């Protein structure tokens, strides 16, 4: 769980502020768009890993 919290902190920390997800896409330059894509990809991976662990735990207790 600690690794998930640390990963969340890393993903949500932007260069200018901790609210990198609030800027509309049409106001971003190509570099910022790539960074945004990267942040969301990492976040999606974390959700997938967390979900997989919960499923594995639930199926092992049955």
N, C-alpha and C. Protein backbone atom coordinates (compact mmCIF):
# COMPACT_ATOMS: atom_id res chain seq x y z
N UNK A 1 0.83 -1.20 0.00
CA UNK A 1 0.00 0.00 0.00
C UNK A 1 0.86 1.25 0.00
N UNK A 2 1.99 1.20 0.73
CA UNK A 2 2.89 2.35 0.79
C UNK A 2 3.42 2.70 -0.60
N UNK A 3 3.74 1.68 -1.41
CA UNK A 3 4.25 1.93 -2.76
C UNK A 3 3.20 2.64 -3.60
N UNK A 4 1.95 2.27 -3.42
CA UNK A 4 0.86 2.91 -4.17
C UNK A 4 0.72 4.38 -3.79
N UNK A 5 0.85 4.68 -2.52
CA UNK A 5 0.77 6.07 -2.06
C UNK A 5 1.93 6.89 -2.62
N UNK A 6 3.14 6.31 -2.58
CA UNK A 6 4.31 7.02 -3.12
C UNK A 6 4.16 7.25 -4.62
N UNK A 7 3.66 6.25 -5.34
CA UNK A 7 3.45 6.41 -6.78
C UNK A 7 2.42 7.49 -7.05
N UNK A 8 1.37 7.54 -6.25
CA UNK A 8 0.35 8.58 -6.40
C UNK A 8 0.96 9.96 -6.20
N UNK A 9 1.80 10.10 -5.19
CA UNK A 9 2.47 11.39 -4.95
C UNK A 9 3.34 11.79 -6.13
N UNK A 10 4.06 10.83 -6.68
CA UNK A 10 4.94 11.11 -7.82
C UNK A 10 4.13 11.55 -9.03
N UNK A 11 3.04 10.86 -9.28
CA UNK A 11 2.22 11.16 -10.45
C UNK A 11 1.53 12.51 -10.32
N UNK A 12 1.02 12.81 -9.14
CA UNK A 12 0.25 14.03 -8.98
C UNK A 12 1.10 15.27 -8.74
N UNK A 13 2.39 15.11 -8.63
CA UNK A 13 3.24 16.29 -8.44
C UNK A 13 3.66 16.83 -9.79
N UNK A 14 3.17 17.99 -10.15
CA UNK A 14 3.53 18.63 -11.40
C UNK A 14 4.72 19.54 -11.21
N UNK A 15 5.23 20.09 -12.30
CA UNK A 15 6.38 20.98 -12.19
C UNK A 15 5.99 22.33 -11.62
N UNK A 16 4.81 22.83 -11.97
CA UNK A 16 4.38 24.14 -11.49
C UNK A 16 3.49 24.06 -10.27
N UNK A 17 2.70 23.02 -10.19
CA UNK A 17 1.79 22.86 -9.05
C UNK A 17 1.41 21.40 -8.93
N UNK A 18 0.67 21.08 -7.91
CA UNK A 18 0.20 19.71 -7.73
C UNK A 18 -1.15 19.48 -8.40
N UNK A 19 -1.57 20.39 -9.22
CA UNK A 19 -2.88 20.27 -9.87
C UNK A 19 -2.72 20.23 -11.39
N UNK A 20 -1.79 19.40 -11.86
CA UNK A 20 -1.48 19.32 -13.28
C UNK A 20 -2.66 18.86 -14.12
N UNK A 21 -3.62 18.18 -13.53
CA UNK A 21 -4.74 17.62 -14.27
C UNK A 21 -5.83 18.64 -14.57
N UNK A 22 -5.75 19.85 -14.03
CA UNK A 22 -6.83 20.82 -14.20
C UNK A 22 -6.73 21.66 -15.47
N UNK A 23 -5.56 21.77 -16.08
CA UNK A 23 -5.41 22.59 -17.28
C UNK A 23 -6.11 21.90 -18.45
N UNK A 24 -6.96 22.62 -19.18
CA UNK A 24 -7.63 22.02 -20.35
C UNK A 24 -6.62 21.58 -21.41
N UNK A 25 -6.92 20.48 -22.09
CA UNK A 25 -6.01 19.94 -23.09
C UNK A 25 -5.69 20.94 -24.20
N UNK A 26 -6.67 21.74 -24.59
CA UNK A 26 -6.44 22.66 -25.71
C UNK A 26 -5.51 23.82 -25.34
N UNK A 27 -5.12 23.92 -24.09
CA UNK A 27 -4.19 24.97 -23.67
C UNK A 27 -2.77 24.45 -23.46
N UNK A 28 -2.53 23.20 -23.81
CA UNK A 28 -1.22 22.59 -23.59
C UNK A 28 -0.41 22.55 -24.88
N UNK A 29 0.91 22.68 -24.75
CA UNK A 29 1.78 22.52 -25.91
C UNK A 29 2.10 21.03 -26.07
N UNK A 30 2.74 20.62 -27.17
CA UNK A 30 2.99 19.19 -27.40
C UNK A 30 3.75 18.50 -26.26
N UNK A 31 4.73 19.16 -25.68
CA UNK A 31 5.48 18.56 -24.58
C UNK A 31 4.58 18.32 -23.37
N UNK A 32 3.73 19.30 -23.08
CA UNK A 32 2.81 19.16 -21.94
C UNK A 32 1.77 18.08 -22.20
N UNK A 33 1.32 17.97 -23.45
CA UNK A 33 0.38 16.90 -23.79
C UNK A 33 1.00 15.53 -23.57
N UNK A 34 2.26 15.40 -23.98
CA UNK A 34 2.96 14.13 -23.79
C UNK A 34 3.10 13.82 -22.30
N UNK A 35 3.45 14.83 -21.51
CA UNK A 35 3.58 14.64 -20.07
C UNK A 35 2.24 14.24 -19.45
N UNK A 36 1.17 14.89 -19.88
CA UNK A 36 -0.16 14.57 -19.37
C UNK A 36 -0.52 13.13 -19.71
N UNK A 37 -0.25 12.73 -20.95
CA UNK A 37 -0.51 11.36 -21.37
C UNK A 37 0.28 10.38 -20.49
N UNK A 38 1.53 10.71 -20.23
CA UNK A 38 2.38 9.87 -19.41
C UNK A 38 1.83 9.75 -17.99
N UNK A 39 1.40 10.86 -17.41
CA UNK A 39 0.82 10.84 -16.06
C UNK A 39 -0.42 9.96 -16.01
N UNK A 40 -1.31 10.13 -16.98
CA UNK A 40 -2.54 9.33 -16.98
C UNK A 40 -2.25 7.86 -17.24
N UNK A 41 -1.25 7.57 -18.07
CA UNK A 41 -0.88 6.17 -18.31
C UNK A 41 -0.38 5.51 -17.04
N UNK A 42 0.45 6.22 -16.28
CA UNK A 42 0.96 5.69 -15.02
C UNK A 42 -0.18 5.48 -14.03
N UNK A 43 -1.10 6.43 -13.98
CA UNK A 43 -2.24 6.31 -13.08
C UNK A 43 -3.11 5.11 -13.44
N UNK A 44 -3.34 4.92 -14.73
CA UNK A 44 -4.13 3.78 -15.19
C UNK A 44 -3.43 2.47 -14.83
N UNK A 45 -2.11 2.42 -14.99
CA UNK A 45 -1.35 1.23 -14.60
C UNK A 45 -1.52 0.94 -13.11
N UNK A 46 -1.48 1.98 -12.29
CA UNK A 46 -1.65 1.79 -10.85
C UNK A 46 -3.03 1.24 -10.52
N UNK A 47 -4.05 1.75 -11.20
CA UNK A 47 -5.41 1.23 -10.98
C UNK A 47 -5.48 -0.25 -11.36
N UNK A 48 -4.87 -0.59 -12.48
CA UNK A 48 -4.89 -1.97 -12.95
C UNK A 48 -4.17 -2.89 -11.95
N UNK A 49 -3.01 -2.47 -11.48
CA UNK A 49 -2.25 -3.27 -10.51
C UNK A 49 -3.04 -3.44 -9.22
N UNK A 50 -3.61 -2.35 -8.74
CA UNK A 50 -4.40 -2.41 -7.50
C UNK A 50 -5.59 -3.34 -7.66
N UNK A 51 -6.28 -3.24 -8.77
CA UNK A 51 -7.45 -4.08 -9.03
C UNK A 51 -7.04 -5.55 -9.13
N UNK A 52 -5.94 -5.81 -9.82
CA UNK A 52 -5.46 -7.19 -9.96
C UNK A 52 -5.11 -7.80 -8.61
N UNK A 53 -4.49 -7.00 -7.74
CA UNK A 53 -4.15 -7.50 -6.41
C UNK A 53 -5.41 -7.80 -5.60
N UNK A 54 -6.42 -6.95 -5.72
CA UNK A 54 -7.66 -7.19 -4.99
C UNK A 54 -8.35 -8.45 -5.49
N UNK A 55 -8.34 -8.66 -6.80
CA UNK A 55 -8.96 -9.86 -7.37
C UNK A 55 -8.21 -11.10 -6.92
N UNK A 56 -6.87 -11.04 -6.93
CA UNK A 56 -6.07 -12.18 -6.50
C UNK A 56 -6.31 -12.50 -5.04
N UNK A 57 -6.41 -11.47 -4.22
CA UNK A 57 -6.67 -11.67 -2.79
C UNK A 57 -8.05 -12.28 -2.58
N UNK A 58 -9.04 -11.77 -3.29
CA UNK A 58 -10.40 -12.28 -3.14
C UNK A 58 -10.51 -13.73 -3.61
N UNK A 59 -9.85 -14.06 -4.71
CA UNK A 59 -9.95 -15.42 -5.23
C UNK A 59 -9.17 -16.42 -4.37
N UNK A 60 -8.13 -15.95 -3.68
CA UNK A 60 -7.37 -16.87 -2.83
C UNK A 60 -8.07 -17.15 -1.51
N UNK A 61 -9.02 -16.31 -1.14
CA UNK A 61 -9.76 -16.53 0.11
C UNK A 61 -11.00 -17.39 -0.09
N UNK A 62 -11.33 -17.66 -1.33
CA UNK A 62 -12.55 -18.44 -1.62
C UNK A 62 -12.26 -19.91 -1.56
